[in-house]
Amino acid sequence: MKIPARYSHILFGALLSLIMVTIISGTVVLITQGYDADFFKHWLKGFATAWPIAFPTVLFVAPFVRKVVAKITA
């Protein structure tokens, strides 16, 4: 099953934000609290807090960033 191309910007935003938030929330939890028995619980809480903010932010900011990059590149 393929997703229609008209949804590609939403899928792009979802995947990009998912990957970024997974890496960043895990890194922040590891640095601030260390690796212990509750690491994954804290990581999931951080992820669940950040992803609902990151996803719409990426959808909103990505078109602007693409325009800026198009203007400053040859």
PDB file of N, CA and C in Angstrom:
ATOM      1  N   MET A   1       0.843  -1.187   0.000  1.00  0.00           N
ATOM      2  CA  MET A   1       0.000   0.000   0.000  1.00  0.00           C
ATOM      3  C   MET A   1       0.877   1.234   0.000  1.00  0.00           C
ATOM      4  N   LYS A   2       0.609   2.137  -0.915  1.00  0.00           N
ATOM      5  CA  LYS A   2       1.341   3.390  -0.979  1.00  0.00           C
ATOM      6  C   LYS A   2       0.435   4.538  -0.567  1.00  0.00           C
ATOM      7  N   ILE A   3       1.062   5.524   0.072  1.00  0.00           N
ATOM      8  CA  ILE A   3       0.343   6.731   0.489  1.00  0.00           C
ATOM      9  C   ILE A   3       0.330   7.695  -0.693  1.00  0.00           C
ATOM     10  N   PRO A   4      -0.785   8.331  -0.986  1.00  0.00           N
ATOM     11  CA  PRO A   4      -0.833   9.278  -2.100  1.00  0.00           C
ATOM     12  C   PRO A   4       0.194  10.407  -1.935  1.00  0.00           C
ATOM     13  N   ALA A   5       0.760  10.848  -3.035  1.00  0.00           N
ATOM     14  CA  ALA A   5       1.813  11.866  -3.037  1.00  0.00           C
ATOM     15  C   ALA A   5       1.354  13.181  -2.406  1.00  0.00           C
ATOM     16  N   ARG A   6       0.074  13.476  -2.430  1.00  0.00           N
ATOM     17  CA  ARG A   6      -0.401  14.737  -1.860  1.00  0.00           C
ATOM     18  C   ARG A   6      -0.177  14.811  -0.347  1.00  0.00           C
ATOM     19  N   TYR A   7       0.067  13.664   0.278  1.00  0.00           N
ATOM     20  CA  TYR A   7       0.337  13.628   1.718  1.00  0.00           C
ATOM     21  C   TYR A   7       1.838  13.562   2.026  1.00  0.00           C
ATOM     22  N   SER A   8       2.669  13.710   1.017  1.00  0.00           N
ATOM     23  CA  SER A   8       4.115  13.541   1.225  1.00  0.00           C
ATOM     24  C   SER A   8       4.683  14.549   2.217  1.00  0.00           C
ATOM     25  N   HIS A   9       4.194  15.788   2.212  1.00  0.00           N
ATOM     26  CA  HIS A   9       4.726  16.779   3.151  1.00  0.00           C
ATOM     27  C   HIS A   9       4.367  16.421   4.603  1.00  0.00           C
ATOM     28  N   ILE A  10       3.213  15.840   4.803  1.00  0.00           N
ATOM     29  CA  ILE A  10       2.812  15.421   6.155  1.00  0.00           C
ATOM     30  C   ILE A  10       3.646  14.222   6.600  1.00  0.00           C
ATOM     31  N   LEU A  11       3.829  13.260   5.702  1.00  0.00           N
ATOM     32  CA  LEU A  11       4.652  12.092   6.019  1.00  0.00           C
ATOM     33  C   LEU A  11       6.096  12.514   6.285  1.00  0.00           C
ATOM     34  N   PHE A  12       6.617  13.418   5.462  1.00  0.00           N
ATOM     35  CA  PHE A  12       7.972  13.937   5.674  1.00  0.00           C
ATOM     36  C   PHE A  12       8.085  14.558   7.067  1.00  0.00           C
ATOM     37  N   GLY A  13       7.151  15.414   7.427  1.00  0.00           N
ATOM     38  CA  GLY A  13       7.170  16.063   8.731  1.00  0.00           C
ATOM     39  C   GLY A  13       7.049  15.075   9.879  1.00  0.00           C
ATOM     40  N   ALA A  14       6.194  14.077   9.698  1.00  0.00           N
ATOM     41  CA  ALA A  14       6.010  13.069  10.748  1.00  0.00           C
ATOM     42  C   ALA A  14       7.284  12.257  10.962  1.00  0.00           C
ATOM     43  N   LEU A  15       7.891  11.796   9.873  1.00  0.00           N
ATOM     44  CA  LEU A  15       9.099  10.990   9.999  1.00  0.00           C
ATOM     45  C   LEU A  15      10.288  11.800  10.503  1.00  0.00           C
ATOM     46  N   LEU A  16      10.470  12.995   9.973  1.00  0.00           N
ATOM     47  CA  LEU A  16      11.580  13.831  10.417  1.00  0.00           C
ATOM     48  C   LEU A  16      11.453  14.168  11.896  1.00  0.00           C
ATOM     49  N   SER A  17      10.281  14.589  12.320  1.00  0.00           N
ATOM     50  CA  SER A  17      10.095  14.935  13.732  1.00  0.00           C
ATOM     51  C   SER A  17      10.195  13.706  14.619  1.00  0.00           C
ATOM     52  N   LEU A  18       9.706  12.567  14.156  1.00  0.00           N
ATOM     53  CA  LEU A  18       9.797  11.326  14.923  1.00  0.00           C
ATOM     54  C   LEU A  18      11.257  10.944  15.171  1.00  0.00           C
ATOM     55  N   ILE A  19      12.056  10.988  14.125  1.00  0.00           N
ATOM     56  CA  ILE A  19      13.476  10.642  14.253  1.00  0.00           C
ATOM     57  C   ILE A  19      14.202  11.644  15.139  1.00  0.00           C
ATOM     58  N   MET A  20      13.981  12.930  14.893  1.00  0.00           N
ATOM     59  CA  MET A  20      14.670  13.958  15.671  1.00  0.00           C
ATOM     60  C   MET A  20      14.305  13.896  17.149  1.00  0.00           C
ATOM     61  N   VAL A  21      13.033  13.784  17.452  1.00  0.00           N
ATOM     62  CA  VAL A  21      12.599  13.768  18.848  1.00  0.00           C
ATOM     63  C   VAL A  21      13.079  12.501  19.548  1.00  0.00           C
ATOM     64  N   THR A  22      13.088  11.379  18.857  1.00  0.00           N
ATOM     65  CA  THR A  22      13.600  10.143  19.453  1.00  0.00           C
ATOM     66  C   THR A  22      15.059  10.305  19.864  1.00  0.00           C
ATOM     67  N   ILE A  23      15.875  10.831  18.971  1.00  0.00           N
ATOM     68  CA  ILE A  23      17.306  11.002  19.252  1.00  0.00           C
ATOM     69  C   ILE A  23      17.545  12.059  20.323  1.00  0.00           C
ATOM     70  N   ILE A  24      16.914  13.204  20.182  1.00  0.00           N
ATOM     71  CA  ILE A  24      17.165  14.308  21.114  1.00  0.00           C
ATOM     72  C   ILE A  24      16.614  14.007  22.502  1.00  0.00           C
ATOM     73  N   SER A  25      15.416  13.467  22.603  1.00  0.00           N
ATOM     74  CA  SER A  25      14.872  13.185  23.933  1.00  0.00           C
ATOM     75  C   SER A  25      15.694  12.113  24.638  1.00  0.00           C
ATOM     76  N   GLY A  26      16.133  11.107  23.907  1.00  0.00           N
ATOM     77  CA  GLY A  26      16.988  10.088  24.505  1.00  0.00           C
ATOM     78  C   GLY A  26      18.311  10.649  24.966  1.00  0.00           C
ATOM     79  N   THR A  27      18.900  11.530  24.160  1.00  0.00           N
ATOM     80  CA  THR A  27      20.171  12.158  24.521  1.00  0.00           C
ATOM     81  C   THR A  27      20.019  13.030  25.754  1.00  0.00           C
ATOM     82  N   VAL A  28      18.983  13.835  25.800  1.00  0.00           N
ATOM     83  CA  VAL A  28      18.765  14.727  26.941  1.00  0.00           C
ATOM     84  C   VAL A  28      18.529  13.924  28.218  1.00  0.00           C
ATOM     85  N   VAL A  29      17.722  12.887  28.141  1.00  0.00           N
ATOM     86  CA  VAL A  29      17.476  12.062  29.331  1.00  0.00           C
ATOM     87  C   VAL A  29      18.770  11.382  29.779  1.00  0.00           C
ATOM     88  N   LEU A  30      19.540  10.882  28.843  1.00  0.00           N
ATOM     89  CA  LEU A  30      20.795  10.223  29.192  1.00  0.00           C
ATOM     90  C   LEU A  30      21.764  11.189  29.865  1.00  0.00           C
ATOM     91  N   ILE A  31      21.875  12.404  29.341  1.00  0.00           N
ATOM     92  CA  ILE A  31      22.794  13.395  29.918  1.00  0.00           C
ATOM     93  C   ILE A  31      22.306  13.886  31.276  1.00  0.00           C
ATOM     94  N   THR A  32      21.026  14.170  31.391  1.00  0.00           N
ATOM     95  CA  THR A  32      20.529  14.770  32.631  1.00  0.00           C
ATOM     96  C   THR A  32      20.274  13.768  33.749  1.00  0.00           C
ATOM     97  N   GLN A  33      19.861  12.549  33.400  1.00  0.00           N
ATOM     98  CA  GLN A  33      19.478  11.595  34.440  1.00  0.00           C
ATOM     99  C   GLN A  33      20.312  10.323  34.440  1.00  0.00           C
ATOM    100  N   GLY A  34      21.114  10.147  33.392  1.00  0.00           N
ATOM    101  CA  GLY A  34      21.936   8.949  33.316  1.00  0.00           C
ATOM    102  C   GLY A  34      21.119   7.736  32.911  1.00  0.00           C
ATOM    103  N   TYR A  35      21.842   6.634  32.743  1.00  0.00           N
ATOM    104  CA  TYR A  35      21.178   5.387  32.363  1.00  0.00           C
ATOM    105  C   TYR A  35      20.906   4.567  33.617  1.00  0.00           C
ATOM    106  N   ASP A  36      19.634   4.385  33.910  1.00  0.00           N
ATOM    107  CA  ASP A  36      19.251   3.590  35.069  1.00  0.00           C
ATOM    108  C   ASP A  36      18.016   2.751  34.710  1.00  0.00           C
ATOM    109  N   ALA A  37      17.432   2.135  35.701  1.00  0.00           N
ATOM    110  CA  ALA A  37      16.287   1.253  35.464  1.00  0.00           C
ATOM    111  C   ALA A  37      15.077   1.996  34.879  1.00  0.00           C
ATOM    112  N   ASP A  38      14.970   3.297  35.146  1.00  0.00           N
ATOM    113  CA  ASP A  38      13.830   4.084  34.656  1.00  0.00           C
ATOM    114  C   ASP A  38      14.141   4.861  33.378  1.00  0.00           C
ATOM    115  N   PHE A  39      15.282   4.592  32.766  1.00  0.00           N
ATOM    116  CA  PHE A  39      15.699   5.358  31.584  1.00  0.00           C
ATOM    117  C   PHE A  39      14.627   5.369  30.496  1.00  0.00           C
ATOM    118  N   PHE A  40      14.138   4.194  30.125  1.00  0.00           N
ATOM    119  CA  PHE A  40      13.178   4.132  29.016  1.00  0.00           C
ATOM    120  C   PHE A  40      11.834   4.765  29.377  1.00  0.00           C
ATOM    121  N   LYS A  41      11.454   4.696  30.635  1.00  0.00           N
ATOM    122  CA  LYS A  41      10.223   5.359  31.084  1.00  0.00           C
ATOM    123  C   LYS A  41      10.367   6.876  30.934  1.00  0.00           C
ATOM    124  N   HIS A  42      11.516   7.413  31.355  1.00  0.00           N
ATOM    125  CA  HIS A  42      11.752   8.853  31.234  1.00  0.00           C
ATOM    126  C   HIS A  42      11.890   9.272  29.768  1.00  0.00           C
ATOM    127  N   TRP A  43      12.547   8.419  28.981  1.00  0.00           N
ATOM    128  CA  TRP A  43      12.708   8.705  27.551  1.00  0.00           C
ATOM    129  C   TRP A  43      11.339   8.777  26.880  1.00  0.00           C
ATOM    130  N   LEU A  44      10.478   7.826  27.165  1.00  0.00           N
ATOM    131  CA  LEU A  44       9.144   7.820  26.569  1.00  0.00           C
ATOM    132  C   LEU A  44       8.341   9.048  27.001  1.00  0.00           C
ATOM    133  N   LYS A  45       8.473   9.436  28.260  1.00  0.00           N
ATOM    134  CA  LYS A  45       7.766  10.631  28.740  1.00  0.00           C
ATOM    135  C   LYS A  45       8.268  11.874  28.015  1.00  0.00           C
ATOM    136  N   GLY A  46       9.592  11.987  27.867  1.00  0.00           N
ATOM    137  CA  GLY A  46      10.162  13.116  27.131  1.00  0.00           C
ATOM    138  C   GLY A  46       9.725  13.131  25.684  1.00  0.00           C
ATOM    139  N   PHE A  47       9.721  11.955  25.058  1.00  0.00           N
ATOM    140  CA  PHE A  47       9.278  11.840  23.674  1.00  0.00           C
ATOM    141  C   PHE A  47       7.815  12.242  23.539  1.00  0.00           C
ATOM    142  N   ALA A  48       6.972  11.721  24.422  1.00  0.00           N
ATOM    143  CA  ALA A  48       5.537  12.004  24.361  1.00  0.00           C
ATOM    144  C   ALA A  48       5.230  13.475  24.593  1.00  0.00           C
ATOM    145  N   THR A  49       6.098  14.151  25.327  1.00  0.00           N
ATOM    146  CA  THR A  49       5.921  15.575  25.557  1.00  0.00           C
ATOM    147  C   THR A  49       6.380  16.393  24.349  1.00  0.00           C
ATOM    148  N   ALA A  50       7.497  15.997  23.750  1.00  0.00           N
ATOM    149  CA  ALA A  50       8.115  16.800  22.683  1.00  0.00           C
ATOM    150  C   ALA A  50       7.505  16.570  21.303  1.00  0.00           C
ATOM    151  N   TRP A  51       7.118  15.347  20.978  1.00  0.00           N
ATOM    152  CA  TRP A  51       6.683  15.080  19.611  1.00  0.00           C
ATOM    153  C   TRP A  51       5.435  15.848  19.196  1.00  0.00           C
ATOM    154  N   PRO A  52       4.432  15.999  20.053  1.00  0.00           N
ATOM    155  CA  PRO A  52       3.272  16.799  19.633  1.00  0.00           C
ATOM    156  C   PRO A  52       3.619  18.267  19.351  1.00  0.00           C
ATOM    157  N   ILE A  53       4.729  18.734  19.860  1.00  0.00           N
ATOM    158  CA  ILE A  53       5.185  20.091  19.559  1.00  0.00           C
ATOM    159  C   ILE A  53       6.037  20.084  18.296  1.00  0.00           C
ATOM    160  N   ALA A  54       6.913  19.101  18.174  1.00  0.00           N
ATOM    161  CA  ALA A  54       7.844  19.038  17.050  1.00  0.00           C
ATOM    162  C   ALA A  54       7.143  18.788  15.716  1.00  0.00           C
ATOM    163  N   PHE A  55       6.162  17.923  15.692  1.00  0.00           N
ATOM    164  CA  PHE A  55       5.510  17.564  14.429  1.00  0.00           C
ATOM    165  C   PHE A  55       4.857  18.770  13.744  1.00  0.00           C
ATOM    166  N   PRO A  56       3.975  19.509  14.413  1.00  0.00           N
ATOM    167  CA  PRO A  56       3.401  20.677  13.726  1.00  0.00           C
ATOM    168  C   PRO A  56       4.441  21.767  13.447  1.00  0.00           C
ATOM    169  N   THR A  57       5.468  21.850  14.299  1.00  0.00           N
ATOM    170  CA  THR A  57       6.521  22.837  14.052  1.00  0.00           C
ATOM    171  C   THR A  57       7.240  22.533  12.751  1.00  0.00           C
ATOM    172  N   VAL A  58       7.584  21.267  12.530  1.00  0.00           N
ATOM    173  CA  VAL A  58       8.246  20.877  11.279  1.00  0.00           C
ATOM    174  C   VAL A  58       7.328  21.160  10.090  1.00  0.00           C
ATOM    175  N   LEU A  59       6.055  20.848  10.203  1.00  0.00           N
ATOM    176  CA  LEU A  59       5.128  21.113   9.097  1.00  0.00           C
ATOM    177  C   LEU A  59       5.052  22.597   8.776  1.00  0.00           C
ATOM    178  N   PHE A  60       5.109  23.425   9.795  1.00  0.00           N
ATOM    179  CA  PHE A  60       5.009  24.868   9.603  1.00  0.00           C
ATOM    180  C   PHE A  60       6.321  25.476   9.102  1.00  0.00           C
ATOM    181  N   VAL A  61       7.442  25.016   9.631  1.00  0.00           N
ATOM    182  CA  VAL A  61       8.745  25.632   9.354  1.00  0.00           C
ATOM    183  C   VAL A  61       9.378  25.102   8.061  1.00  0.00           C
ATOM    184  N   ALA A  62       9.158  23.854   7.697  1.00  0.00           N
ATOM    185  CA  ALA A  62       9.822  23.250   6.538  1.00  0.00           C
ATOM    186  C   ALA A  62       9.644  24.039   5.239  1.00  0.00           C
ATOM    187  N   PRO A  63       8.442  24.505   4.891  1.00  0.00           N
ATOM    188  CA  PRO A  63       8.310  25.276   3.648  1.00  0.00           C
ATOM    189  C   PRO A  63       9.148  26.564   3.663  1.00  0.00           C
ATOM    190  N   PHE A  64       9.197  27.231   4.793  1.00  0.00           N
ATOM    191  CA  PHE A  64      10.008  28.440   4.921  1.00  0.00           C
ATOM    192  C   PHE A  64      11.488  28.115   4.744  1.00  0.00           C
ATOM    193  N   VAL A  65      11.942  27.061   5.377  1.00  0.00           N
ATOM    194  CA  VAL A  65      13.354  26.672   5.277  1.00  0.00           C
ATOM    195  C   VAL A  65      13.700  26.295   3.838  1.00  0.00           C
ATOM    196  N   ARG A  66      12.804  25.585   3.154  1.00  0.00           N
ATOM    197  CA  ARG A  66      13.051  25.236   1.752  1.00  0.00           C
ATOM    198  C   ARG A  66      13.207  26.483   0.896  1.00  0.00           C
ATOM    199  N   LYS A  67      12.386  27.507   1.138  1.00  0.00           N
ATOM    200  CA  LYS A  67      12.492  28.756   0.373  1.00  0.00           C
ATOM    201  C   LYS A  67      13.806  29.471   0.652  1.00  0.00           C
ATOM    202  N   VAL A  68      14.185  29.519   1.916  1.00  0.00           N
ATOM    203  CA  VAL A  68      15.452  30.172   2.286  1.00  0.00           C
ATOM    204  C   VAL A  68      16.626  29.444   1.649  1.00  0.00           C
ATOM    205  N   VAL A  69      16.620  28.127   1.712  1.00  0.00           N
ATOM    206  CA  VAL A  69      17.710  27.348   1.130  1.00  0.00           C
ATOM    207  C   VAL A  69      17.748  27.549  -0.383  1.00  0.00           C
ATOM    208  N   ALA A  70      16.600  27.606  -1.027  1.00  0.00           N
ATOM    209  CA  ALA A  70      16.550  27.823  -2.489  1.00  0.00           C
ATOM    210  C   ALA A  70      17.132  29.183  -2.863  1.00  0.00           C
ATOM    211  N   LYS A  71      16.933  30.178  -1.994  1.00  0.00           N
ATOM    212  CA  LYS A  71      17.450  31.521  -2.298  1.00  0.00           C
ATOM    213  C   LYS A  71      18.945  31.644  -2.076  1.00  0.00           C
ATOM    214  N   ILE A  72      19.497  30.860  -1.164  1.00  0.00           N
ATOM    215  CA  ILE A  72      20.925  31.029  -0.858  1.00  0.00           C
ATOM    216  C   ILE A  72      21.803  29.969  -1.519  1.00  0.00           C
ATOM    217  N   THR A  73      21.212  29.105  -2.316  1.00  0.00           N
ATOM    218  CA  THR A  73      22.008  28.117  -3.029  1.00  0.00           C
ATOM    219  C   THR A  73      21.899  28.357  -4.528  1.00  0.00           C
ATOM    220  N   ALA A  74      22.899  27.841  -5.241  1.00  0.00           N
ATOM    221  CA  ALA A  74      22.938  28.049  -6.700  1.00  0.00           C
ATOM    222  C   ALA A  74      22.183  26.967  -7.417  1.00  0.00           C
TER     223      ALA A  74
END
